[in-house]
């Protein structure tokens, strides 16, 4: 029913240590390794919500084998395209100085590997109503590759949800995906503005919807979220939380949206589920993790209001 596309996955390694001492030996107090990539965060959260998910993209080398093995523990279905190059490793360092990320660029995708993926996607489009496309593009793929995927999904009447940034997001919009999910920083970059008011965000989001995107889900961190289409604008206000690990909260939000939308819930409740899953991830120590009982509790304290009337 739901497939996730992660074209540039990684082994996410998180080091926790009291402080970083430059030019010194630093010893970590704890370490956590997980299959990483935005699409895989979405997949794990959907699995925790009881949804069957098929994962696809590119995996290579021993790192790729490790990721595929780990995903089986989450009851996720592997449908990856094997590649010659090694899947990347990304490092996050948590210390009193804050959160620091070191991201490898990742493998280069060969033309035959790309073609195999597209053939694979055609098969998945036949059996899945929702296709989630998340994260960065690896080397070897064109900047408009997400546009190509969105067009394929639209031709077959499927829901494609796109969560990317920069040029791949800008190009992807031209494929008319069902939904895009930028955060405020990504959205400002998309529209070419450094600072933008709530009214300006709504105007620009509705302009995007006029181009054929059904929904813009705009995550605003502690300020909640906006859900915009060409007719309506919903705003979600969330309570103040003590975030433990906000990484992956946007991915969890996307998973919550898909879960509730696939169940046919009213759109106001869909937005609540999106925010509740994002909140639950933010207070979890591990990325792409939620507590279902906690999510249901959060649903009762999220306030959704309509700030632009519908038809």
C-alpha atoms as a PDB file:
ATOM      1  CA  UNK A   1       0.000   0.000   0.000  1.00  0.00           C
ATOM      2  CA  UNK A   2       2.851   2.392   0.828  1.00  0.00           C
ATOM      3  CA  UNK A   3       6.348   2.475  -0.646  1.00  0.00           C
ATOM      4  CA  UNK A   4       9.185   4.746   0.401  1.00  0.00           C
ATOM      5  CA  UNK A   5      11.982   5.860  -1.906  1.00  0.00           C
ATOM      6  CA  UNK A   6      15.371   6.621  -0.342  1.00  0.00           C
ATOM      7  CA  UNK A   7      17.894   7.198  -3.110  1.00  0.00           C
ATOM      8  CA  UNK A   8      20.813   8.170  -0.865  1.00  0.00           C
ATOM      9  CA  UNK A   9      20.468   6.139   2.358  1.00  0.00           C
ATOM     10  CA  UNK A  10      23.152   5.915   5.026  1.00  0.00           C
ATOM     11  CA  UNK A  11      24.205   4.255   8.215  1.00  0.00           C
ATOM     12  CA  UNK A  12      23.423   7.004  10.709  1.00  0.00           C
ATOM     13  CA  UNK A  13      25.903   6.920  13.585  1.00  0.00           C
ATOM     14  CA  UNK A  14      25.155   9.117  16.601  1.00  0.00           C
ATOM     15  CA  UNK A  15      27.905   9.829  19.127  1.00  0.00           C
ATOM     16  CA  UNK A  16      27.048  11.333  22.499  1.00  0.00           C
ATOM     17  CA  UNK A  17      29.825  12.920  24.557  1.00  0.00           C
ATOM     18  CA  UNK A  18      30.012  15.580  27.271  1.00  0.00           C
ATOM     19  CA  UNK A  19      31.975  18.105  25.213  1.00  0.00           C
ATOM     20  CA  UNK A  20      34.011  18.338  22.027  1.00  0.00           C
ATOM     21  CA  UNK A  21      37.678  19.189  22.520  1.00  0.00           C
ATOM     22  CA  UNK A  22      39.276  20.267  19.265  1.00  0.00           C
ATOM     23  CA  UNK A  23      42.729  18.820  18.561  1.00  0.00           C
ATOM     24  CA  UNK A  24      42.229  16.356  21.428  1.00  0.00           C
ATOM     25  CA  UNK A  25      41.102  12.744  21.813  1.00  0.00           C
ATOM     26  CA  UNK A  26      37.333  12.636  22.411  1.00  0.00           C
ATOM     27  CA  UNK A  27      35.721   9.582  23.993  1.00  0.00           C
ATOM     28  CA  UNK A  28      32.017   8.991  23.466  1.00  0.00           C
ATOM     29  CA  UNK A  29      29.669   8.132  26.315  1.00  0.00           C
ATOM     30  CA  UNK A  30      27.197   6.305  24.037  1.00  0.00           C
ATOM     31  CA  UNK A  31      26.773   5.336  20.403  1.00  0.00           C
ATOM     32  CA  UNK A  32      23.727   4.501  18.314  1.00  0.00           C
ATOM     33  CA  UNK A  33      23.647   3.151  14.742  1.00  0.00           C
ATOM     34  CA  UNK A  34      20.488   3.060  12.646  1.00  0.00           C
ATOM     35  CA  UNK A  35      19.556   2.693   8.972  1.00  0.00           C
ATOM     36  CA  UNK A  36      19.400   6.332   7.945  1.00  0.00           C
ATOM     37  CA  UNK A  37      17.873   8.490   5.304  1.00  0.00           C
ATOM     38  CA  UNK A  38      14.639  10.452   5.460  1.00  0.00           C
ATOM     39  CA  UNK A  39      12.650   7.773   3.673  1.00  0.00           C
ATOM     40  CA  UNK A  40      13.770   5.119   6.141  1.00  0.00           C
ATOM     41  CA  UNK A  41      12.717   7.321   9.071  1.00  0.00           C
ATOM     42  CA  UNK A  42       9.278   7.578   7.463  1.00  0.00           C
ATOM     43  CA  UNK A  43       9.261   3.795   6.978  1.00  0.00           C
ATOM     44  CA  UNK A  44      10.053   3.020  10.613  1.00  0.00           C
ATOM     45  CA  UNK A  45       7.347   5.325  11.917  1.00  0.00           C
ATOM     46  CA  UNK A  46       4.758   3.875   9.529  1.00  0.00           C
ATOM     47  CA  UNK A  47       5.750   0.402  10.706  1.00  0.00           C
ATOM     48  CA  UNK A  48       5.183   1.484  14.310  1.00  0.00           C
ATOM     49  CA  UNK A  49       1.737   2.681  13.237  1.00  0.00           C
ATOM     50  CA  UNK A  50       0.979  -0.805  11.912  1.00  0.00           C
ATOM     51  CA  UNK A  51       1.350  -0.062   8.207  1.00  0.00           C
ATOM     52  CA  UNK A  52       3.067  -2.435   5.768  1.00  0.00           C
ATOM     53  CA  UNK A  53       5.836  -0.565   3.958  1.00  0.00           C
ATOM     54  CA  UNK A  54       8.080  -1.451   1.023  1.00  0.00           C
ATOM     55  CA  UNK A  55      11.459   0.302   0.928  1.00  0.00           C
ATOM     56  CA  UNK A  56      13.294   0.993  -2.306  1.00  0.00           C
ATOM     57  CA  UNK A  57      16.247   3.002  -3.545  1.00  0.00           C
ATOM     58  CA  UNK A  58      19.925   2.135  -3.887  1.00  0.00           C
ATOM     59  CA  UNK A  59      22.086   0.031  -1.542  1.00  0.00           C
ATOM     60  CA  UNK A  60      25.700  -0.969  -2.045  1.00  0.00           C
ATOM     61  CA  UNK A  61      28.522  -2.839  -0.311  1.00  0.00           C
ATOM     62  CA  UNK A  62      28.704  -4.073   3.275  1.00  0.00           C
ATOM     63  CA  UNK A  63      26.983  -0.923   4.530  1.00  0.00           C
ATOM     64  CA  UNK A  64      24.046  -1.635   2.246  1.00  0.00           C
ATOM     65  CA  UNK A  65      23.852  -5.239   3.416  1.00  0.00           C
ATOM     66  CA  UNK A  66      23.757  -4.077   7.039  1.00  0.00           C
ATOM     67  CA  UNK A  67      20.909  -1.646   6.327  1.00  0.00           C
ATOM     68  CA  UNK A  68      18.840  -4.312   4.547  1.00  0.00           C
ATOM     69  CA  UNK A  69      19.312  -6.728   7.470  1.00  0.00           C
ATOM     70  CA  UNK A  70      18.288  -4.104  10.014  1.00  0.00           C
ATOM     71  CA  UNK A  71      15.125  -3.199   8.118  1.00  0.00           C
ATOM     72  CA  UNK A  72      13.892  -6.785   8.413  1.00  0.00           C
ATOM     73  CA  UNK A  73      13.768  -6.247  12.195  1.00  0.00           C
ATOM     74  CA  UNK A  74      11.159  -3.544  11.558  1.00  0.00           C
ATOM     75  CA  UNK A  75       9.042  -5.811   9.347  1.00  0.00           C
ATOM     76  CA  UNK A  76       9.883  -3.609   6.381  1.00  0.00           C
ATOM     77  CA  UNK A  77       9.962  -5.111   2.888  1.00  0.00           C
ATOM     78  CA  UNK A  78      13.280  -4.719   1.044  1.00  0.00           C
ATOM     79  CA  UNK A  79      13.007  -3.919  -2.652  1.00  0.00           C
ATOM     80  CA  UNK A  80      16.375  -2.238  -3.220  1.00  0.00           C
ATOM     81  CA  UNK A  81      18.462  -1.886  -6.350  1.00  0.00           C
ATOM     82  CA  UNK A  82      22.038  -3.112  -5.738  1.00  0.00           C
ATOM     83  CA  UNK A  83      24.805  -0.737  -6.790  1.00  0.00           C
ATOM     84  CA  UNK A  84      28.542  -1.010  -7.285  1.00  0.00           C
ATOM     85  CA  UNK A  85      29.563   1.792  -4.892  1.00  0.00           C
ATOM     86  CA  UNK A  86      29.369   1.639  -1.100  1.00  0.00           C
ATOM     87  CA  UNK A  87      26.397   3.141   0.747  1.00  0.00           C
ATOM     88  CA  UNK A  88      27.485   6.149   2.816  1.00  0.00           C
ATOM     89  CA  UNK A  89      27.914   6.701   6.558  1.00  0.00           C
ATOM     90  CA  UNK A  90      26.679   9.869   8.262  1.00  0.00           C
ATOM     91  CA  UNK A  91      27.756  10.965  11.734  1.00  0.00           C
ATOM     92  CA  UNK A  92      25.883  13.067  14.276  1.00  0.00           C
ATOM     93  CA  UNK A  93      27.675  14.339  17.383  1.00  0.00           C
ATOM     94  CA  UNK A  94      25.637  15.348  20.434  1.00  0.00           C
ATOM     95  CA  UNK A  95      27.418  17.387  23.096  1.00  0.00           C
ATOM     96  CA  UNK A  96      26.887  20.412  25.304  1.00  0.00           C
ATOM     97  CA  UNK A  97      27.989  22.527  22.338  1.00  0.00           C
ATOM     98  CA  UNK A  98      24.939  21.320  20.403  1.00  0.00           C
ATOM     99  CA  UNK A  99      24.235  19.033  17.465  1.00  0.00           C
ATOM    100  CA  UNK A 100      26.878  18.584  14.752  1.00  0.00           C
ATOM    101  CA  UNK A 101      26.445  16.504  11.602  1.00  0.00           C
ATOM    102  CA  UNK A 102      29.123  15.117   9.262  1.00  0.00           C
ATOM    103  CA  UNK A 103      27.544  13.806   6.055  1.00  0.00           C
ATOM    104  CA  UNK A 104      29.306  11.752   3.416  1.00  0.00           C
ATOM    105  CA  UNK A 105      28.332  12.608  -0.148  1.00  0.00           C
ATOM    106  CA  UNK A 106      27.434   9.047  -1.003  1.00  0.00           C
ATOM    107  CA  UNK A 107      27.819   6.771  -4.027  1.00  0.00           C
ATOM    108  CA  UNK A 108      27.649   7.601  -7.715  1.00  0.00           C
ATOM    109  CA  UNK A 109      24.731   5.947  -9.487  1.00  0.00           C
ATOM    110  CA  UNK A 110      25.501   4.368 -12.851  1.00  0.00           C
ATOM    111  CA  UNK A 111      23.098   4.612 -15.810  1.00  0.00           C
ATOM    112  CA  UNK A 112      22.229   0.893 -15.692  1.00  0.00           C
ATOM    113  CA  UNK A 113      21.496   1.183 -11.953  1.00  0.00           C
ATOM    114  CA  UNK A 114      19.182   4.130 -12.577  1.00  0.00           C
ATOM    115  CA  UNK A 115      17.319   2.240 -15.296  1.00  0.00           C
ATOM    116  CA  UNK A 116      16.872  -0.768 -13.018  1.00  0.00           C
ATOM    117  CA  UNK A 117      15.434   1.494 -10.331  1.00  0.00           C
ATOM    118  CA  UNK A 118      12.917   3.032 -12.759  1.00  0.00           C
ATOM    119  CA  UNK A 119      11.798  -0.427 -13.854  1.00  0.00           C
ATOM    120  CA  UNK A 120      11.466  -1.391 -10.207  1.00  0.00           C
ATOM    121  CA  UNK A 121       9.427   1.733  -9.474  1.00  0.00           C
ATOM    122  CA  UNK A 122       6.984   0.950 -12.283  1.00  0.00           C
ATOM    123  CA  UNK A 123       6.231  -2.355 -10.563  1.00  0.00           C
ATOM    124  CA  UNK A 124       5.784  -0.696  -7.165  1.00  0.00           C
ATOM    125  CA  UNK A 125       3.430   1.909  -8.638  1.00  0.00           C
ATOM    126  CA  UNK A 126       1.155  -0.939  -9.623  1.00  0.00           C
ATOM    127  CA  UNK A 127       0.727  -2.204  -6.065  1.00  0.00           C
ATOM    128  CA  UNK A 128       1.114   0.896  -3.833  1.00  0.00           C
ATOM    129  CA  UNK A 129      -1.238   3.873  -3.525  1.00  0.00           C
ATOM    130  CA  UNK A 130       1.268   6.099  -1.720  1.00  0.00           C
ATOM    131  CA  UNK A 131       4.857   6.723  -2.778  1.00  0.00           C
ATOM    132  CA  UNK A 132       7.061   8.725  -0.386  1.00  0.00           C
ATOM    133  CA  UNK A 133      10.149  10.266  -1.983  1.00  0.00           C
ATOM    134  CA  UNK A 134      12.542  11.742   0.563  1.00  0.00           C
ATOM    135  CA  UNK A 135      16.025  13.136   0.951  1.00  0.00           C
ATOM    136  CA  UNK A 136      18.911  14.137  -1.252  1.00  0.00           C
ATOM    137  CA  UNK A 137      19.823  12.882  -4.700  1.00  0.00           C
ATOM    138  CA  UNK A 138      23.013  10.838  -5.051  1.00  0.00           C
ATOM    139  CA  UNK A 139      25.636  11.665  -7.662  1.00  0.00           C
ATOM    140  CA  UNK A 140      24.756  10.450 -11.138  1.00  0.00           C
ATOM    141  CA  UNK A 141      21.075  11.418 -11.037  1.00  0.00           C
ATOM    142  CA  UNK A 142      19.724  14.528 -12.739  1.00  0.00           C
ATOM    143  CA  UNK A 143      18.449  17.415 -10.593  1.00  0.00           C
ATOM    144  CA  UNK A 144      14.969  16.876 -12.084  1.00  0.00           C
ATOM    145  CA  UNK A 145      14.869  13.168 -11.180  1.00  0.00           C
ATOM    146  CA  UNK A 146      12.145  13.733  -8.576  1.00  0.00           C
ATOM    147  CA  UNK A 147      10.070  15.507 -11.228  1.00  0.00           C
ATOM    148  CA  UNK A 148      10.327  12.367 -13.348  1.00  0.00           C
ATOM    149  CA  UNK A 149       9.146  10.198 -10.445  1.00  0.00           C
ATOM    150  CA  UNK A 150       6.253  12.546  -9.663  1.00  0.00           C
ATOM    151  CA  UNK A 151       5.117  12.478 -13.280  1.00  0.00           C
ATOM    152  CA  UNK A 152       5.197   8.671 -13.315  1.00  0.00           C
ATOM    153  CA  UNK A 153       3.072   8.511 -10.155  1.00  0.00           C
ATOM    154  CA  UNK A 154       0.582  11.064 -11.430  1.00  0.00           C
ATOM    155  CA  UNK A 155       0.127   9.186 -14.708  1.00  0.00           C
ATOM    156  CA  UNK A 156      -0.892   6.108 -12.696  1.00  0.00           C
ATOM    157  CA  UNK A 157      -3.150   8.039 -10.307  1.00  0.00           C
ATOM    158  CA  UNK A 158      -0.961   7.464  -7.236  1.00  0.00           C
ATOM    159  CA  UNK A 159      -0.209   9.784  -4.325  1.00  0.00           C
ATOM    160  CA  UNK A 160       3.438  10.892  -4.405  1.00  0.00           C
ATOM    161  CA  UNK A 161       4.680  12.869  -1.409  1.00  0.00           C
ATOM    162  CA  UNK A 162       7.968  14.707  -1.818  1.00  0.00           C
ATOM    163  CA  UNK A 163      10.275  15.772   1.006  1.00  0.00           C
ATOM    164  CA  UNK A 164      13.455  17.276  -0.350  1.00  0.00           C
ATOM    165  CA  UNK A 165      15.158  20.658  -0.540  1.00  0.00           C
ATOM    166  CA  UNK A 166      17.043  22.955  -2.867  1.00  0.00           C
ATOM    167  CA  UNK A 167      17.066  22.333  -6.595  1.00  0.00           C
ATOM    168  CA  UNK A 168      15.642  18.814  -6.372  1.00  0.00           C
ATOM    169  CA  UNK A 169      12.569  20.192  -4.576  1.00  0.00           C
ATOM    170  CA  UNK A 170      12.208  23.129  -6.975  1.00  0.00           C
ATOM    171  CA  UNK A 171      12.409  20.788  -9.954  1.00  0.00           C
ATOM    172  CA  UNK A 172      10.195  18.186  -8.295  1.00  0.00           C
ATOM    173  CA  UNK A 173       7.318  20.639  -7.946  1.00  0.00           C
ATOM    174  CA  UNK A 174       7.036  20.732 -11.748  1.00  0.00           C
ATOM    175  CA  UNK A 175       6.044  17.059 -11.639  1.00  0.00           C
ATOM    176  CA  UNK A 176       2.930  18.031  -9.617  1.00  0.00           C
ATOM    177  CA  UNK A 177       3.383  15.748  -6.604  1.00  0.00           C
ATOM    178  CA  UNK A 178       0.423  15.269  -4.283  1.00  0.00           C
ATOM    179  CA  UNK A 179       2.267  16.908  -1.374  1.00  0.00           C
ATOM    180  CA  UNK A 180       5.541  18.621  -0.549  1.00  0.00           C
ATOM    181  CA  UNK A 181       6.807  18.952   3.020  1.00  0.00           C
ATOM    182  CA  UNK A 182       9.445  21.637   3.497  1.00  0.00           C
ATOM    183  CA  UNK A 183      10.395  23.135   6.834  1.00  0.00           C
ATOM    184  CA  UNK A 184      10.520  26.924   7.159  1.00  0.00           C
ATOM    185  CA  UNK A 185      14.214  27.179   6.269  1.00  0.00           C
ATOM    186  CA  UNK A 186      13.782  24.991   3.183  1.00  0.00           C
ATOM    187  CA  UNK A 187      10.688  26.925   2.169  1.00  0.00           C
ATOM    188  CA  UNK A 188      12.443  30.283   2.445  1.00  0.00           C
ATOM    189  CA  UNK A 189      15.229  28.960   0.235  1.00  0.00           C
ATOM    190  CA  UNK A 190      12.689  27.639  -2.241  1.00  0.00           C
ATOM    191  CA  UNK A 191      10.957  31.004  -2.642  1.00  0.00           C
ATOM    192  CA  UNK A 192      14.201  33.013  -2.463  1.00  0.00           C
ATOM    193  CA  UNK A 193      13.452  34.890   0.766  1.00  0.00           C
ATOM    194  CA  UNK A 194      15.549  35.141   3.940  1.00  0.00           C
ATOM    195  CA  UNK A 195      12.686  36.156   6.234  1.00  0.00           C
ATOM    196  CA  UNK A 196       9.023  35.632   5.540  1.00  0.00           C
ATOM    197  CA  UNK A 197       5.811  36.368   7.440  1.00  0.00           C
ATOM    198  CA  UNK A 198       3.019  33.868   8.011  1.00  0.00           C
ATOM    199  CA  UNK A 199       0.916  35.654   5.399  1.00  0.00           C
ATOM    200  CA  UNK A 200       3.749  35.510   2.863  1.00  0.00           C
ATOM    201  CA  UNK A 201       4.281  31.786   3.505  1.00  0.00           C
ATOM    202  CA  UNK A 202       0.607  31.145   2.872  1.00  0.00           C
ATOM    203  CA  UNK A 203       0.635  33.221  -0.329  1.00  0.00           C
ATOM    204  CA  UNK A 204       3.668  31.428  -1.729  1.00  0.00           C
ATOM    205  CA  UNK A 205       2.358  27.991  -0.668  1.00  0.00           C
ATOM    206  CA  UNK A 206      -0.963  28.597  -2.406  1.00  0.00           C
ATOM    207  CA  UNK A 207       0.899  29.799  -5.499  1.00  0.00           C
ATOM    208  CA  UNK A 208       2.679  26.409  -5.523  1.00  0.00           C
ATOM    209  CA  UNK A 209      -0.675  24.656  -5.199  1.00  0.00           C
ATOM    210  CA  UNK A 210      -1.948  26.598  -8.204  1.00  0.00           C
ATOM    211  CA  UNK A 211       0.809  24.865 -10.195  1.00  0.00           C
ATOM    212  CA  UNK A 212      -0.700  21.454  -9.505  1.00  0.00           C
ATOM    213  CA  UNK A 213       0.585  20.442  -6.053  1.00  0.00           C
ATOM    214  CA  UNK A 214      -2.387  19.376  -3.933  1.00  0.00           C
ATOM    215  CA  UNK A 215      -0.908  20.131  -0.482  1.00  0.00           C
ATOM    216  CA  UNK A 216       2.006  22.004   1.047  1.00  0.00           C
ATOM    217  CA  UNK A 217       2.717  20.713   4.553  1.00  0.00           C
ATOM    218  CA  UNK A 218       4.959  23.339   6.103  1.00  0.00           C
ATOM    219  CA  UNK A 219       6.581  22.314   9.380  1.00  0.00           C
ATOM    220  CA  UNK A 220       7.371  25.211  11.709  1.00  0.00           C
ATOM    221  CA  UNK A 221       9.149  23.447  14.590  1.00  0.00           C
ATOM    222  CA  UNK A 222       7.895  24.582  17.992  1.00  0.00           C
ATOM    223  CA  UNK A 223       5.339  26.787  16.217  1.00  0.00           C
ATOM    224  CA  UNK A 224       3.469  23.813  14.798  1.00  0.00           C
ATOM    225  CA  UNK A 225       2.610  23.518  11.127  1.00  0.00           C
ATOM    226  CA  UNK A 226       0.594  24.830   8.202  1.00  0.00           C
ATOM    227  CA  UNK A 227      -1.323  22.652   5.768  1.00  0.00           C
ATOM    228  CA  UNK A 228      -2.107  24.588   2.613  1.00  0.00           C
ATOM    229  CA  UNK A 229      -3.968  23.859  -0.591  1.00  0.00           C
ATOM    230  CA  UNK A 230      -5.496  26.135  -3.200  1.00  0.00           C
ATOM    231  CA  UNK A 231      -8.745  26.500  -1.216  1.00  0.00           C
ATOM    232  CA  UNK A 232      -7.948  26.132   2.481  1.00  0.00           C
ATOM    233  CA  UNK A 233      -5.226  26.858   5.010  1.00  0.00           C
ATOM    234  CA  UNK A 234      -5.088  24.993   8.311  1.00  0.00           C
ATOM    235  CA  UNK A 235      -2.788  25.965  11.148  1.00  0.00           C
ATOM    236  CA  UNK A 236      -1.780  23.566  13.911  1.00  0.00           C
ATOM    237  CA  UNK A 237      -0.689  24.944  17.279  1.00  0.00           C
ATOM    238  CA  UNK A 238       1.238  22.522  19.469  1.00  0.00           C
ATOM    239  CA  UNK A 239       2.127  22.660  23.174  1.00  0.00           C
ATOM    240  CA  UNK A 240       5.647  23.460  24.330  1.00  0.00           C
ATOM    241  CA  UNK A 241       7.874  20.383  24.514  1.00  0.00           C
ATOM    242  CA  UNK A 242      11.322  19.639  25.865  1.00  0.00           C
ATOM    243  CA  UNK A 243      12.817  18.190  22.681  1.00  0.00           C
ATOM    244  CA  UNK A 244      15.379  15.426  23.220  1.00  0.00           C
ATOM    245  CA  UNK A 245      16.293  14.612  19.617  1.00  0.00           C
ATOM    246  CA  UNK A 246      14.413  16.630  16.983  1.00  0.00           C
ATOM    247  CA  UNK A 247      16.191  14.876  14.090  1.00  0.00           C
ATOM    248  CA  UNK A 248      13.614  12.908  12.114  1.00  0.00           C
ATOM    249  CA  UNK A 249      10.609  14.836  13.422  1.00  0.00           C
ATOM    250  CA  UNK A 250       9.763  16.110   9.947  1.00  0.00           C
ATOM    251  CA  UNK A 251       9.932  12.546   8.616  1.00  0.00           C
ATOM    252  CA  UNK A 252       7.704  11.371  11.462  1.00  0.00           C
ATOM    253  CA  UNK A 253       5.281  14.180  10.614  1.00  0.00           C
ATOM    254  CA  UNK A 254       5.109  12.953   7.032  1.00  0.00           C
ATOM    255  CA  UNK A 255       4.459   9.397   8.237  1.00  0.00           C
ATOM    256  CA  UNK A 256       1.628  10.608  10.453  1.00  0.00           C
ATOM    257  CA  UNK A 257       0.083  12.469   7.535  1.00  0.00           C
ATOM    258  CA  UNK A 258       0.193   9.402   5.282  1.00  0.00           C
ATOM    259  CA  UNK A 259      -1.213   7.134   7.991  1.00  0.00           C
ATOM    260  CA  UNK A 260      -4.213   9.362   8.683  1.00  0.00           C
ATOM    261  CA  UNK A 261      -4.842  10.260   5.040  1.00  0.00           C
ATOM    262  CA  UNK A 262      -4.765   6.599   4.005  1.00  0.00           C
ATOM    263  CA  UNK A 263      -7.377   5.897   6.706  1.00  0.00           C
ATOM    264  CA  UNK A 264      -9.682   8.537   5.222  1.00  0.00           C
ATOM    265  CA  UNK A 265      -9.647  10.796   8.280  1.00  0.00           C
ATOM    266  CA  UNK A 266     -10.918  14.402   8.005  1.00  0.00           C
ATOM    267  CA  UNK A 267      -8.114  16.688   6.868  1.00  0.00           C
ATOM    268  CA  UNK A 268      -8.045  18.476  10.252  1.00  0.00           C
ATOM    269  CA  UNK A 269      -7.338  15.141  11.936  1.00  0.00           C
ATOM    270  CA  UNK A 270      -4.749  14.295   9.297  1.00  0.00           C
ATOM    271  CA  UNK A 271      -2.831  17.427  10.296  1.00  0.00           C
ATOM    272  CA  UNK A 272      -3.154  16.507  13.978  1.00  0.00           C
ATOM    273  CA  UNK A 273      -1.713  13.046  13.340  1.00  0.00           C
ATOM    274  CA  UNK A 274       1.154  14.577  11.401  1.00  0.00           C
ATOM    275  CA  UNK A 275       2.043  16.923  14.247  1.00  0.00           C
ATOM    276  CA  UNK A 276       1.526  14.330  16.981  1.00  0.00           C
ATOM    277  CA  UNK A 277       3.954  11.906  15.324  1.00  0.00           C
ATOM    278  CA  UNK A 278       6.501  14.681  14.857  1.00  0.00           C
ATOM    279  CA  UNK A 279       6.177  15.639  18.517  1.00  0.00           C
ATOM    280  CA  UNK A 280       6.569  12.054  19.722  1.00  0.00           C
ATOM    281  CA  UNK A 281       9.775  11.669  17.723  1.00  0.00           C
ATOM    282  CA  UNK A 282      11.137  14.940  19.116  1.00  0.00           C
ATOM    283  CA  UNK A 283      10.886  13.697  22.706  1.00  0.00           C
ATOM    284  CA  UNK A 284      12.432  10.315  21.853  1.00  0.00           C
ATOM    285  CA  UNK A 285      16.173   9.739  22.080  1.00  0.00           C
ATOM    286  CA  UNK A 286      16.238   7.728  18.849  1.00  0.00           C
ATOM    287  CA  UNK A 287      15.534   9.027  15.355  1.00  0.00           C
ATOM    288  CA  UNK A 288      12.398   7.782  13.616  1.00  0.00           C
ATOM    289  CA  UNK A 289      10.817   6.524  16.828  1.00  0.00           C
ATOM    290  CA  UNK A 290       7.371   7.238  18.239  1.00  0.00           C
ATOM    291  CA  UNK A 291       5.248   6.015  21.130  1.00  0.00           C
ATOM    292  CA  UNK A 292       1.709   5.306  19.907  1.00  0.00           C
ATOM    293  CA  UNK A 293       0.066   5.944  23.265  1.00  0.00           C
ATOM    294  CA  UNK A 294       1.956   9.224  23.469  1.00  0.00           C
ATOM    295  CA  UNK A 295       0.860  10.140  19.936  1.00  0.00           C
ATOM    296  CA  UNK A 296      -2.785   9.588  20.879  1.00  0.00           C
ATOM    297  CA  UNK A 297      -2.313  11.765  23.949  1.00  0.00           C
ATOM    298  CA  UNK A 298      -0.802  14.558  21.851  1.00  0.00           C
ATOM    299  CA  UNK A 299      -3.806  14.424  19.501  1.00  0.00           C
ATOM    300  CA  UNK A 300      -5.946  15.799  22.331  1.00  0.00           C
ATOM    301  CA  UNK A 301      -3.805  18.902  22.895  1.00  0.00           C
ATOM    302  CA  UNK A 302      -3.069  19.966  19.316  1.00  0.00           C
ATOM    303  CA  UNK A 303      -5.320  22.802  18.154  1.00  0.00           C
ATOM    304  CA  UNK A 304      -6.145  23.094  14.464  1.00  0.00           C
ATOM    305  CA  UNK A 305      -7.770  26.234  13.117  1.00  0.00           C
ATOM    306  CA  UNK A 306      -8.735  27.374   9.645  1.00  0.00           C
ATOM    307  CA  UNK A 307      -7.210  30.724   8.811  1.00  0.00           C
ATOM    308  CA  UNK A 308      -8.436  30.872   5.214  1.00  0.00           C
ATOM    309  CA  UNK A 309     -11.928  29.640   4.512  1.00  0.00           C
ATOM    310  CA  UNK A 310     -12.714  26.888   2.063  1.00  0.00           C
ATOM    311  CA  UNK A 311     -15.253  26.858  -0.713  1.00  0.00           C
END
